[in-house]
């Protein structure tokens, strides 16, 4: 399992969930806004709770592997949804207009009447 630390708190979750949350935050850096997440976490007693968090392009998230004897929660659906969202975010990145397409770079001016 991995411990995710975010906004002064930390919690244990499955390796695959932690990995996908990190990938999601990295994908948000492409000009996207914040995302609300609900992911499974493991309590100290071995139970499962849902953690809600809002992450954005500037989120400072840390994922650290931990030796833990507790069973990981079932995360197949969560991991699948996170992977799909990462794929969508990465394919929807804004395409910047190259500087070569500006009127200054082309050497013409619409207002030049001369």
PDB file of N, CA and C in Angstrom:
ATOM      1  N   UNK A   1       0.836  -1.175   0.000  1.00  0.00           N
ATOM      2  CA  UNK A   1       0.000   0.000   0.000  1.00  0.00           C
ATOM      3  C   UNK A   1       0.881   1.238   0.000  1.00  0.00           C
ATOM      4  N   UNK A   2       0.247   2.358  -0.305  1.00  0.00           N
ATOM      5  CA  UNK A   2       0.977   3.628  -0.301  1.00  0.00           C
ATOM      6  C   UNK A   2       0.237   4.631   0.567  1.00  0.00           C
ATOM      7  N   UNK A   3       1.019   5.514   1.182  1.00  0.00           N
ATOM      8  CA  UNK A   3       0.449   6.591   1.985  1.00  0.00           C
ATOM      9  C   UNK A   3       0.442   7.849   1.127  1.00  0.00           C
ATOM     10  N   UNK A   4      -0.739   8.395   0.929  1.00  0.00           N
ATOM     11  CA  UNK A   4      -0.880   9.669   0.225  1.00  0.00           C
ATOM     12  C   UNK A   4      -0.940  10.778   1.265  1.00  0.00           C
ATOM     13  N   UNK A   5      -0.135  11.794   1.081  1.00  0.00           N
ATOM     14  CA  UNK A   5      -0.152  12.964   1.961  1.00  0.00           C
ATOM     15  C   UNK A   5      -0.597  14.155   1.141  1.00  0.00           C
ATOM     16  N   UNK A   6      -1.576  14.875   1.698  1.00  0.00           N
ATOM     17  CA  UNK A   6      -2.144  15.997   0.962  1.00  0.00           C
ATOM     18  C   UNK A   6      -2.816  16.940   1.956  1.00  0.00           C
ATOM     19  N   UNK A   7      -2.554  18.198   1.838  1.00  0.00           N
ATOM     20  CA  UNK A   7      -3.187  19.241   2.655  1.00  0.00           C
ATOM     21  C   UNK A   7      -3.056  18.972   4.155  1.00  0.00           C
ATOM     22  N   UNK A   8      -1.893  18.488   4.577  1.00  0.00           N
ATOM     23  CA  UNK A   8      -1.647  18.276   5.995  1.00  0.00           C
ATOM     24  C   UNK A   8      -2.204  16.979   6.554  1.00  0.00           C
ATOM     25  N   UNK A   9      -2.823  16.168   5.739  1.00  0.00           N
ATOM     26  CA  UNK A   9      -3.364  14.877   6.163  1.00  0.00           C
ATOM     27  C   UNK A   9      -2.705  13.774   5.361  1.00  0.00           C
ATOM     28  N   UNK A  10      -2.828  12.536   5.851  1.00  0.00           N
ATOM     29  CA  UNK A  10      -2.324  11.401   5.081  1.00  0.00           C
ATOM     30  C   UNK A  10      -3.223  10.201   5.336  1.00  0.00           C
ATOM     31  N   UNK A  11      -3.205   9.271   4.382  1.00  0.00           N
ATOM     32  CA  UNK A  11      -4.007   8.061   4.501  1.00  0.00           C
ATOM     33  C   UNK A  11      -3.407   6.973   3.623  1.00  0.00           C
ATOM     34  N   UNK A  12      -3.714   5.726   3.973  1.00  0.00           N
ATOM     35  CA  UNK A  12      -3.251   4.573   3.207  1.00  0.00           C
ATOM     36  C   UNK A  12      -4.286   4.209   2.157  1.00  0.00           C
ATOM     37  N   UNK A  13      -3.800   3.852   0.980  1.00  0.00           N
ATOM     38  CA  UNK A  13      -4.678   3.370  -0.074  1.00  0.00           C
ATOM     39  C   UNK A  13      -3.906   2.351  -0.910  1.00  0.00           C
ATOM     40  N   UNK A  14      -4.609   1.719  -1.804  1.00  0.00           N
ATOM     41  CA  UNK A  14      -3.981   0.715  -2.674  1.00  0.00           C
ATOM     42  C   UNK A  14      -2.933   1.373  -3.564  1.00  0.00           C
ATOM     43  N   UNK A  15      -1.898   0.624  -3.891  1.00  0.00           N
ATOM     44  CA  UNK A  15      -0.829   1.139  -4.751  1.00  0.00           C
ATOM     45  C   UNK A  15      -1.378   1.723  -6.046  1.00  0.00           C
ATOM     46  N   UNK A  16      -2.257   0.981  -6.711  1.00  0.00           N
ATOM     47  CA  UNK A  16      -2.775   1.421  -8.013  1.00  0.00           C
ATOM     48  C   UNK A  16      -3.577   2.707  -7.888  1.00  0.00           C
ATOM     49  N   UNK A  17      -4.317   2.874  -6.808  1.00  0.00           N
ATOM     50  CA  UNK A  17      -5.088   4.106  -6.595  1.00  0.00           C
ATOM     51  C   UNK A  17      -4.135   5.276  -6.398  1.00  0.00           C
ATOM     52  N   UNK A  18      -3.146   5.113  -5.541  1.00  0.00           N
ATOM     53  CA  UNK A  18      -2.179   6.188  -5.294  1.00  0.00           C
ATOM     54  C   UNK A  18      -1.479   6.584  -6.589  1.00  0.00           C
ATOM     55  N   UNK A  19      -1.070   5.594  -7.376  1.00  0.00           N
ATOM     56  CA  UNK A  19      -0.383   5.876  -8.634  1.00  0.00           C
ATOM     57  C   UNK A  19      -1.271   6.674  -9.582  1.00  0.00           C
ATOM     58  N   UNK A  20      -2.543   6.294  -9.684  1.00  0.00           N
ATOM     59  CA  UNK A  20      -3.456   6.982 -10.606  1.00  0.00           C
ATOM     60  C   UNK A  20      -3.820   8.379 -10.115  1.00  0.00           C
ATOM     61  N   UNK A  21      -3.923   8.577  -8.809  1.00  0.00           N
ATOM     62  CA  UNK A  21      -4.185   9.925  -8.288  1.00  0.00           C
ATOM     63  C   UNK A  21      -3.018  10.845  -8.626  1.00  0.00           C
ATOM     64  N   UNK A  22      -1.798  10.359  -8.474  1.00  0.00           N
ATOM     65  CA  UNK A  22      -0.619  11.156  -8.828  1.00  0.00           C
ATOM     66  C   UNK A  22      -0.634  11.482 -10.324  1.00  0.00           C
ATOM     67  N   UNK A  23      -0.942  10.500 -11.162  1.00  0.00           N
ATOM     68  CA  UNK A  23      -1.018  10.734 -12.611  1.00  0.00           C
ATOM     69  C   UNK A  23      -2.109  11.746 -12.944  1.00  0.00           C
ATOM     70  N   UNK A  24      -3.237  11.676 -12.238  1.00  0.00           N
ATOM     71  CA  UNK A  24      -4.341  12.615 -12.479  1.00  0.00           C
ATOM     72  C   UNK A  24      -3.917  14.041 -12.157  1.00  0.00           C
ATOM     73  N   UNK A  25      -3.281  14.222 -11.006  1.00  0.00           N
ATOM     74  CA  UNK A  25      -2.830  15.573 -10.630  1.00  0.00           C
ATOM     75  C   UNK A  25      -1.831  16.098 -11.657  1.00  0.00           C
ATOM     76  N   UNK A  26      -0.952  15.250 -12.122  1.00  0.00           N
ATOM     77  CA  UNK A  26       0.010  15.677 -13.149  1.00  0.00           C
ATOM     78  C   UNK A  26      -0.711  16.061 -14.444  1.00  0.00           C
ATOM     79  N   UNK A  27      -1.745  15.334 -14.823  1.00  0.00           N
ATOM     80  CA  UNK A  27      -2.491  15.634 -16.047  1.00  0.00           C
ATOM     81  C   UNK A  27      -3.278  16.931 -15.927  1.00  0.00           C
ATOM     82  N   UNK A  28      -3.658  17.315 -14.721  1.00  0.00           N
ATOM     83  CA  UNK A  28      -4.387  18.568 -14.524  1.00  0.00           C
ATOM     84  C   UNK A  28      -3.518  19.777 -14.830  1.00  0.00           C
ATOM     85  N   UNK A  29      -2.210  19.601 -14.839  1.00  0.00           N
ATOM     86  CA  UNK A  29      -1.296  20.699 -15.126  1.00  0.00           C
ATOM     87  C   UNK A  29      -1.400  21.216 -16.541  1.00  0.00           C
ATOM     88  N   UNK A  30      -2.157  20.574 -17.399  1.00  0.00           N
ATOM     89  CA  UNK A  30      -2.305  20.996 -18.787  1.00  0.00           C
ATOM     90  C   UNK A  30      -3.367  22.054 -18.986  1.00  0.00           C
ATOM     91  N   UNK A  31      -3.631  22.867 -17.986  1.00  0.00           N
ATOM     92  CA  UNK A  31      -4.592  23.950 -18.125  1.00  0.00           C
ATOM     93  C   UNK A  31      -5.993  23.586 -17.671  1.00  0.00           C
ATOM     94  N   UNK A  32      -6.122  22.557 -16.865  1.00  0.00           N
ATOM     95  CA  UNK A  32      -7.427  22.126 -16.384  1.00  0.00           C
ATOM     96  C   UNK A  32      -7.650  22.616 -14.964  1.00  0.00           C
ATOM     97  N   UNK A  33      -8.909  22.635 -14.545  1.00  0.00           N
ATOM     98  CA  UNK A  33      -9.263  23.075 -13.203  1.00  0.00           C
ATOM     99  C   UNK A  33      -9.252  21.939 -12.204  1.00  0.00           C
ATOM    100  N   UNK A  34      -9.716  22.226 -11.003  1.00  0.00           N
ATOM    101  CA  UNK A  34      -9.709  21.216  -9.942  1.00  0.00           C
ATOM    102  C   UNK A  34     -10.702  20.087 -10.206  1.00  0.00           C
ATOM    103  N   UNK A  35     -10.450  18.956  -9.567  1.00  0.00           N
ATOM    104  CA  UNK A  35     -11.304  17.765  -9.668  1.00  0.00           C
ATOM    105  C   UNK A  35     -11.622  17.282  -8.260  1.00  0.00           C
ATOM    106  N   UNK A  36     -12.849  16.866  -8.044  1.00  0.00           N
ATOM    107  CA  UNK A  36     -13.257  16.253  -6.779  1.00  0.00           C
ATOM    108  C   UNK A  36     -13.099  14.741  -6.920  1.00  0.00           C
ATOM    109  N   UNK A  37     -12.445  14.127  -5.941  1.00  0.00           N
ATOM    110  CA  UNK A  37     -12.215  12.684  -5.963  1.00  0.00           C
ATOM    111  C   UNK A  37     -12.787  12.051  -4.706  1.00  0.00           C
ATOM    112  N   UNK A  38     -13.189  10.813  -4.845  1.00  0.00           N
ATOM    113  CA  UNK A  38     -13.589   9.992  -3.707  1.00  0.00           C
ATOM    114  C   UNK A  38     -12.882   8.660  -3.886  1.00  0.00           C
ATOM    115  N   UNK A  39     -11.940   8.393  -2.987  1.00  0.00           N
ATOM    116  CA  UNK A  39     -11.133   7.181  -3.142  1.00  0.00           C
ATOM    117  C   UNK A  39     -11.130   6.373  -1.841  1.00  0.00           C
ATOM    118  N   UNK A  40     -10.971   5.060  -1.965  1.00  0.00           N
ATOM    119  CA  UNK A  40     -10.953   4.225  -0.762  1.00  0.00           C
ATOM    120  C   UNK A  40      -9.627   4.339  -0.009  1.00  0.00           C
ATOM    121  N   UNK A  41      -9.748   4.352   1.303  1.00  0.00           N
ATOM    122  CA  UNK A  41      -8.567   4.386   2.173  1.00  0.00           C
ATOM    123  C   UNK A  41      -8.729   3.310   3.238  1.00  0.00           C
ATOM    124  N   UNK A  42      -7.620   2.891   3.796  1.00  0.00           N
ATOM    125  CA  UNK A  42      -7.620   1.857   4.823  1.00  0.00           C
ATOM    126  C   UNK A  42      -7.407   2.518   6.179  1.00  0.00           C
ATOM    127  N   UNK A  43      -8.268   2.189   7.124  1.00  0.00           N
ATOM    128  CA  UNK A  43      -8.143   2.729   8.475  1.00  0.00           C
ATOM    129  C   UNK A  43      -7.076   1.939   9.247  1.00  0.00           C
ATOM    130  N   UNK A  44      -6.586   2.483  10.352  1.00  0.00           N
ATOM    131  CA  UNK A  44      -5.590   1.753  11.136  1.00  0.00           C
ATOM    132  C   UNK A  44      -6.069   0.368  11.590  1.00  0.00           C
ATOM    133  N   UNK A  45      -7.371   0.202  11.753  1.00  0.00           N
ATOM    134  CA  UNK A  45      -7.910  -1.087  12.179  1.00  0.00           C
ATOM    135  C   UNK A  45      -8.162  -2.060  11.043  1.00  0.00           C
ATOM    136  N   UNK A  46      -7.882  -1.629   9.805  1.00  0.00           N
ATOM    137  CA  UNK A  46      -8.061  -2.507   8.658  1.00  0.00           C
ATOM    138  C   UNK A  46      -9.372  -2.326   7.923  1.00  0.00           C
ATOM    139  N   UNK A  47     -10.205  -1.418   8.376  1.00  0.00           N
ATOM    140  CA  UNK A  47     -11.461  -1.135   7.679  1.00  0.00           C
ATOM    141  C   UNK A  47     -11.229  -0.245   6.471  1.00  0.00           C
ATOM    142  N   UNK A  48     -12.284  -0.026   5.712  1.00  0.00           N
ATOM    143  CA  UNK A  48     -12.192   0.825   4.529  1.00  0.00           C
ATOM    144  C   UNK A  48     -13.120   2.022   4.690  1.00  0.00           C
ATOM    145  N   UNK A  49     -12.619   3.201   4.366  1.00  0.00           N
ATOM    146  CA  UNK A  49     -13.416   4.424   4.356  1.00  0.00           C
ATOM    147  C   UNK A  49     -13.196   5.113   3.014  1.00  0.00           C
ATOM    148  N   UNK A  50     -14.131   5.972   2.647  1.00  0.00           N
ATOM    149  CA  UNK A  50     -13.960   6.769   1.434  1.00  0.00           C
ATOM    150  C   UNK A  50     -13.429   8.137   1.820  1.00  0.00           C
ATOM    151  N   UNK A  51     -12.366   8.531   1.176  1.00  0.00           N
ATOM    152  CA  UNK A  51     -11.756   9.839   1.408  1.00  0.00           C
ATOM    153  C   UNK A  51     -12.161  10.743   0.252  1.00  0.00           C
ATOM    154  N   UNK A  52     -12.650  11.921   0.591  1.00  0.00           N
ATOM    155  CA  UNK A  52     -12.995  12.908  -0.434  1.00  0.00           C
ATOM    156  C   UNK A  52     -11.937  13.995  -0.417  1.00  0.00           C
ATOM    157  N   UNK A  53     -11.450  14.343  -1.600  1.00  0.00           N
ATOM    158  CA  UNK A  53     -10.482  15.415  -1.697  1.00  0.00           C
ATOM    159  C   UNK A  53     -10.653  16.141  -3.019  1.00  0.00           C
ATOM    160  N   UNK A  54     -10.236  17.368  -3.027  1.00  0.00           N
ATOM    161  CA  UNK A  54     -10.240  18.171  -4.243  1.00  0.00           C
ATOM    162  C   UNK A  54      -8.786  18.413  -4.603  1.00  0.00           C
ATOM    163  N   UNK A  55      -8.427  18.033  -5.833  1.00  0.00           N
ATOM    164  CA  UNK A  55      -7.060  18.231  -6.306  1.00  0.00           C
ATOM    165  C   UNK A  55      -7.096  19.147  -7.516  1.00  0.00           C
ATOM    166  N   UNK A  56      -6.017  19.865  -7.704  1.00  0.00           N
ATOM    167  CA  UNK A  56      -5.919  20.769  -8.839  1.00  0.00           C
ATOM    168  C   UNK A  56      -4.526  20.750  -9.416  1.00  0.00           C
ATOM    169  N   UNK A  57      -4.299  21.579 -10.427  1.00  0.00           N
ATOM    170  CA  UNK A  57      -3.005  21.601 -11.096  1.00  0.00           C
ATOM    171  C   UNK A  57      -1.831  21.920 -10.160  1.00  0.00           C
ATOM    172  N   UNK A  58      -2.078  22.646  -9.093  1.00  0.00           N
ATOM    173  CA  UNK A  58      -0.989  23.038  -8.193  1.00  0.00           C
ATOM    174  C   UNK A  58      -0.948  22.192  -6.923  1.00  0.00           C
ATOM    175  N   UNK A  59      -1.707  21.109  -6.880  1.00  0.00           N
ATOM    176  CA  UNK A  59      -1.730  20.261  -5.684  1.00  0.00           C
ATOM    177  C   UNK A  59      -0.344  19.674  -5.416  1.00  0.00           C
ATOM    178  N   UNK A  60       0.039  19.719  -4.168  1.00  0.00           N
ATOM    179  CA  UNK A  60       1.314  19.144  -3.756  1.00  0.00           C
ATOM    180  C   UNK A  60       1.012  17.843  -3.028  1.00  0.00           C
ATOM    181  N   UNK A  61       1.035  16.777  -3.786  1.00  0.00           N
ATOM    182  CA  UNK A  61       0.654  15.451  -3.321  1.00  0.00           C
ATOM    183  C   UNK A  61       1.905  14.595  -3.208  1.00  0.00           C
ATOM    184  N   UNK A  62       1.996  13.813  -2.147  1.00  0.00           N
ATOM    185  CA  UNK A  62       3.137  12.930  -1.960  1.00  0.00           C
ATOM    186  C   UNK A  62       2.623  11.504  -1.782  1.00  0.00           C
ATOM    187  N   UNK A  63       3.231  10.565  -2.494  1.00  0.00           N
ATOM    188  CA  UNK A  63       2.874   9.158  -2.400  1.00  0.00           C
ATOM    189  C   UNK A  63       4.109   8.382  -1.943  1.00  0.00           C
ATOM    190  N   UNK A  64       3.985   7.679  -0.808  1.00  0.00           N
ATOM    191  CA  UNK A  64       5.113   6.965  -0.230  1.00  0.00           C
ATOM    192  C   UNK A  64       4.716   5.510   0.019  1.00  0.00           C
ATOM    193  N   UNK A  65       5.490   4.552  -0.504  1.00  0.00           N
ATOM    194  CA  UNK A  65       5.198   3.142  -0.224  1.00  0.00           C
ATOM    195  C   UNK A  65       5.355   2.842   1.267  1.00  0.00           C
ATOM    196  N   UNK A  66       4.489   1.974   1.780  1.00  0.00           N
ATOM    197  CA  UNK A  66       4.568   1.569   3.179  1.00  0.00           C
ATOM    198  C   UNK A  66       4.435   0.065   3.290  1.00  0.00           C
ATOM    199  N   UNK A  67       5.198  -0.515   4.203  1.00  0.00           N
ATOM    200  CA  UNK A  67       5.039  -1.926   4.517  1.00  0.00           C
ATOM    201  C   UNK A  67       3.821  -2.033   5.420  1.00  0.00           C
ATOM    202  N   UNK A  68       2.840  -2.756   4.970  1.00  0.00           N
ATOM    203  CA  UNK A  68       1.596  -2.854   5.724  1.00  0.00           C
ATOM    204  C   UNK A  68       1.060  -4.265   5.587  1.00  0.00           C
ATOM    205  N   UNK A  69       0.592  -4.824   6.679  1.00  0.00           N
ATOM    206  CA  UNK A  69       0.052  -6.181   6.644  1.00  0.00           C
ATOM    207  C   UNK A  69      -1.456  -6.191   6.412  1.00  0.00           C
ATOM    208  N   UNK A  70      -2.070  -5.032   6.378  1.00  0.00           N
ATOM    209  CA  UNK A  70      -3.517  -4.946   6.145  1.00  0.00           C
ATOM    210  C   UNK A  70      -3.826  -5.247   4.689  1.00  0.00           C
ATOM    211  N   UNK A  71      -5.003  -5.782   4.444  1.00  0.00           N
ATOM    212  CA  UNK A  71      -5.428  -6.067   3.079  1.00  0.00           C
ATOM    213  C   UNK A  71      -5.811  -4.788   2.361  1.00  0.00           C
ATOM    214  N   UNK A  72      -5.433  -4.712   1.081  1.00  0.00           N
ATOM    215  CA  UNK A  72      -5.837  -3.572   0.269  1.00  0.00           C
ATOM    216  C   UNK A  72      -7.322  -3.672  -0.048  1.00  0.00           C
ATOM    217  N   UNK A  73      -8.008  -2.530  -0.106  1.00  0.00           N
ATOM    218  CA  UNK A  73      -9.426  -2.566  -0.467  1.00  0.00           C
ATOM    219  C   UNK A  73      -9.598  -2.895  -1.947  1.00  0.00           C
ATOM    220  N   UNK A  74     -10.796  -3.295  -2.322  1.00  0.00           N
ATOM    221  CA  UNK A  74     -11.121  -3.549  -3.729  1.00  0.00           C
ATOM    222  C   UNK A  74     -11.158  -2.194  -4.449  1.00  0.00           C
ATOM    223  N   UNK A  75     -10.343  -2.064  -5.474  1.00  0.00           N
ATOM    224  CA  UNK A  75     -10.215  -0.756  -6.122  1.00  0.00           C
ATOM    225  C   UNK A  75     -10.330  -0.808  -7.646  1.00  0.00           C
ATOM    226  N   UNK A  76     -10.736  -1.930  -8.195  1.00  0.00           N
ATOM    227  CA  UNK A  76     -10.758  -2.087  -9.646  1.00  0.00           C
ATOM    228  C   UNK A  76     -11.554  -0.971 -10.331  1.00  0.00           C
ATOM    229  N   UNK A  77     -12.759  -0.684  -9.846  1.00  0.00           N
ATOM    230  CA  UNK A  77     -13.594   0.351 -10.465  1.00  0.00           C
ATOM    231  C   UNK A  77     -12.998   1.741 -10.310  1.00  0.00           C
ATOM    232  N   UNK A  78     -12.463   2.029  -9.132  1.00  0.00           N
ATOM    233  CA  UNK A  78     -11.868   3.346  -8.876  1.00  0.00           C
ATOM    234  C   UNK A  78     -10.661   3.562  -9.785  1.00  0.00           C
ATOM    235  N   UNK A  79      -9.800   2.569  -9.868  1.00  0.00           N
ATOM    236  CA  UNK A  79      -8.603   2.678 -10.712  1.00  0.00           C
ATOM    237  C   UNK A  79      -9.008   2.857 -12.165  1.00  0.00           C
ATOM    238  N   UNK A  80     -10.004   2.132 -12.609  1.00  0.00           N
ATOM    239  CA  UNK A  80     -10.474   2.245 -13.989  1.00  0.00           C
ATOM    240  C   UNK A  80     -10.987   3.649 -14.281  1.00  0.00           C
ATOM    241  N   UNK A  81     -11.792   4.209 -13.369  1.00  0.00           N
ATOM    242  CA  UNK A  81     -12.322   5.577 -13.574  1.00  0.00           C
ATOM    243  C   UNK A  81     -11.208   6.611 -13.562  1.00  0.00           C
ATOM    244  N   UNK A  82     -10.243   6.454 -12.666  1.00  0.00           N
ATOM    245  CA  UNK A  82      -9.121   7.393 -12.622  1.00  0.00           C
ATOM    246  C   UNK A  82      -8.305   7.324 -13.912  1.00  0.00           C
ATOM    247  N   UNK A  83      -8.038   6.119 -14.408  1.00  0.00           N
ATOM    248  CA  UNK A  83      -7.276   5.967 -15.652  1.00  0.00           C
ATOM    249  C   UNK A  83      -8.007   6.594 -16.829  1.00  0.00           C
ATOM    250  N   UNK A  84      -9.325   6.384 -16.886  1.00  0.00           N
ATOM    251  CA  UNK A  84     -10.122   6.985 -17.968  1.00  0.00           C
ATOM    252  C   UNK A  84     -10.042   8.506 -17.905  1.00  0.00           C
ATOM    253  N   UNK A  85     -10.120   9.068 -16.707  1.00  0.00           N
ATOM    254  CA  UNK A  85     -10.070  10.529 -16.557  1.00  0.00           C
ATOM    255  C   UNK A  85      -8.705  11.070 -16.973  1.00  0.00           C
ATOM    256  N   UNK A  86      -7.636  10.374 -16.606  1.00  0.00           N
ATOM    257  CA  UNK A  86      -6.283  10.787 -16.999  1.00  0.00           C
ATOM    258  C   UNK A  86      -6.176  10.778 -18.523  1.00  0.00           C
ATOM    259  N   UNK A  87      -6.685   9.734 -19.161  1.00  0.00           N
ATOM    260  CA  UNK A  87      -6.642   9.639 -20.620  1.00  0.00           C
ATOM    261  C   UNK A  87      -7.383  10.801 -21.260  1.00  0.00           C
ATOM    262  N   UNK A  88      -8.565  11.125 -20.747  1.00  0.00           N
ATOM    263  CA  UNK A  88      -9.343  12.242 -21.290  1.00  0.00           C
ATOM    264  C   UNK A  88      -8.596  13.555 -21.106  1.00  0.00           C
ATOM    265  N   UNK A  89      -8.051  13.780 -19.927  1.00  0.00           N
ATOM    266  CA  UNK A  89      -7.329  15.030 -19.664  1.00  0.00           C
ATOM    267  C   UNK A  89      -6.116  15.186 -20.574  1.00  0.00           C
ATOM    268  N   UNK A  90      -5.397  14.107 -20.759  1.00  0.00           N
ATOM    269  CA  UNK A  90      -4.197  14.190 -21.599  1.00  0.00           C
ATOM    270  C   UNK A  90      -4.535  14.386 -23.065  1.00  0.00           C
ATOM    271  N   UNK A  91      -5.654  13.864 -23.521  1.00  0.00           N
ATOM    272  CA  UNK A  91      -6.029  14.023 -24.928  1.00  0.00           C
ATOM    273  C   UNK A  91      -6.700  15.360 -25.186  1.00  0.00           C
ATOM    274  N   UNK A  92      -7.168  16.026 -24.130  1.00  0.00           N
ATOM    275  CA  UNK A  92      -7.888  17.286 -24.292  1.00  0.00           C
ATOM    276  C   UNK A  92      -7.022  18.506 -24.026  1.00  0.00           C
ATOM    277  N   UNK A  93      -5.734  18.323 -23.966  1.00  0.00           N
ATOM    278  CA  UNK A  93      -4.859  19.473 -23.692  1.00  0.00           C
ATOM    279  C   UNK A  93      -5.023  20.538 -24.760  1.00  0.00           C
ATOM    280  N   UNK A  94      -5.017  21.754 -24.318  1.00  0.00           N
ATOM    281  CA  UNK A  94      -5.144  22.877 -25.241  1.00  0.00           C
ATOM    282  C   UNK A  94      -3.944  22.929 -26.179  1.00  0.00           C
ATOM    283  N   UNK A  95      -4.215  23.202 -27.424  1.00  0.00           N
ATOM    284  CA  UNK A  95      -3.147  23.320 -28.411  1.00  0.00           C
ATOM    285  C   UNK A  95      -2.770  24.794 -28.507  1.00  0.00           C
ATOM    286  N   UNK A  96      -1.557  25.151 -28.106  1.00  0.00           N
ATOM    287  CA  UNK A  96      -1.163  26.565 -28.165  1.00  0.00           C
ATOM    288  C   UNK A  96      -0.979  27.025 -29.606  1.00  0.00           C
ATOM    289  N   UNK A  97      -1.281  28.290 -29.840  1.00  0.00           N
ATOM    290  CA  UNK A  97      -1.068  28.860 -31.174  1.00  0.00           C
ATOM    291  C   UNK A  97       0.406  29.189 -31.307  1.00  0.00           C
ATOM    292  N   UNK A  98       1.081  28.630 -32.303  1.00  0.00           N
ATOM    293  CA  UNK A  98       2.507  28.908 -32.476  1.00  0.00           C
ATOM    294  C   UNK A  98       2.757  30.387 -32.733  1.00  0.00           C
ATOM    295  N   UNK A  99       3.849  30.897 -32.221  1.00  0.00           N
ATOM    296  CA  UNK A  99       4.194  32.304 -32.404  1.00  0.00           C
ATOM    297  C   UNK A  99       4.320  32.634 -33.890  1.00  0.00           C
ATOM    298  N   UNK A 100       4.710  31.697 -34.702  1.00  0.00           N
ATOM    299  CA  UNK A 100       4.879  31.946 -36.133  1.00  0.00           C
ATOM    300  C   UNK A 100       3.570  32.319 -36.810  1.00  0.00           C
ATOM    301  N   UNK A 101       2.435  32.102 -36.162  1.00  0.00           N
ATOM    302  CA  UNK A 101       1.140  32.415 -36.764  1.00  0.00           C
ATOM    303  C   UNK A 101       0.678  33.830 -36.448  1.00  0.00           C
ATOM    304  N   UNK A 102       1.422  34.570 -35.653  1.00  0.00           N
ATOM    305  CA  UNK A 102       1.006  35.923 -35.305  1.00  0.00           C
ATOM    306  C   UNK A 102       1.380  36.887 -36.428  1.00  0.00           C
ATOM    307  N   UNK A 103       0.652  37.985 -36.494  1.00  0.00           N
ATOM    308  CA  UNK A 103       0.924  38.950 -37.563  1.00  0.00           C
ATOM    309  C   UNK A 103       2.322  39.545 -37.454  1.00  0.00           C
ATOM    310  N   UNK A 104       2.823  39.743 -36.238  1.00  0.00           N
ATOM    311  CA  UNK A 104       4.174  40.281 -36.072  1.00  0.00           C
ATOM    312  C   UNK A 104       5.217  39.350 -36.674  1.00  0.00           C
ATOM    313  N   UNK A 105       5.053  38.066 -36.441  1.00  0.00           N
ATOM    314  CA  UNK A 105       6.033  37.104 -36.936  1.00  0.00           C
ATOM    315  C   UNK A 105       5.970  36.969 -38.452  1.00  0.00           C
ATOM    316  N   UNK A 106       4.797  37.225 -39.051  1.00  0.00           N
ATOM    317  CA  UNK A 106       4.655  37.103 -40.491  1.00  0.00           C
ATOM    318  C   UNK A 106       5.061  38.363 -41.246  1.00  0.00           C
ATOM    319  N   UNK A 107       5.258  39.453 -40.476  1.00  0.00           N
ATOM    320  CA  UNK A 107       5.740  40.674 -41.097  1.00  0.00           C
ATOM    321  C   UNK A 107       4.668  41.491 -41.792  1.00  0.00           C
ATOM    322  N   UNK A 108       3.414  41.316 -41.425  1.00  0.00           N
ATOM    323  CA  UNK A 108       2.380  42.137 -42.024  1.00  0.00           C
ATOM    324  C   UNK A 108       1.527  42.753 -40.938  1.00  0.00           C
ATOM    325  N   UNK A 109       0.875  43.840 -41.290  1.00  0.00           N
ATOM    326  CA  UNK A 109       0.062  44.594 -40.360  1.00  0.00           C
ATOM    327  C   UNK A 109      -1.224  44.960 -41.059  1.00  0.00           C
ATOM    328  N   UNK A 110      -2.368  44.574 -40.504  1.00  0.00           N
ATOM    329  CA  UNK A 110      -3.672  44.862 -41.106  1.00  0.00           C
ATOM    330  C   UNK A 110      -3.932  46.367 -41.235  1.00  0.00           C
ATOM    331  N   UNK A 111      -3.287  47.173 -40.400  1.00  0.00           N
ATOM    332  CA  UNK A 111      -3.541  48.606 -40.410  1.00  0.00           C
ATOM    333  C   UNK A 111      -2.623  49.353 -41.364  1.00  0.00           C
ATOM    334  N   UNK A 112      -1.651  48.669 -41.923  1.00  0.00           N
ATOM    335  CA  UNK A 112      -0.708  49.322 -42.838  1.00  0.00           C
ATOM    336  C   UNK A 112      -1.413  49.592 -44.170  1.00  0.00           C
ATOM    337  N   UNK A 113      -1.652  50.837 -44.468  1.00  0.00           N
ATOM    338  CA  UNK A 113      -2.338  51.221 -45.704  1.00  0.00           C
ATOM    339  C   UNK A 113      -1.367  51.711 -46.762  1.00  0.00           C
ATOM    340  N   UNK A 114      -0.101  51.729 -46.439  1.00  0.00           N
ATOM    341  CA  UNK A 114       0.893  52.347 -47.289  1.00  0.00           C
ATOM    342  C   UNK A 114       1.386  51.498 -48.337  1.00  0.00           C
TER     343      UNK A 114
END
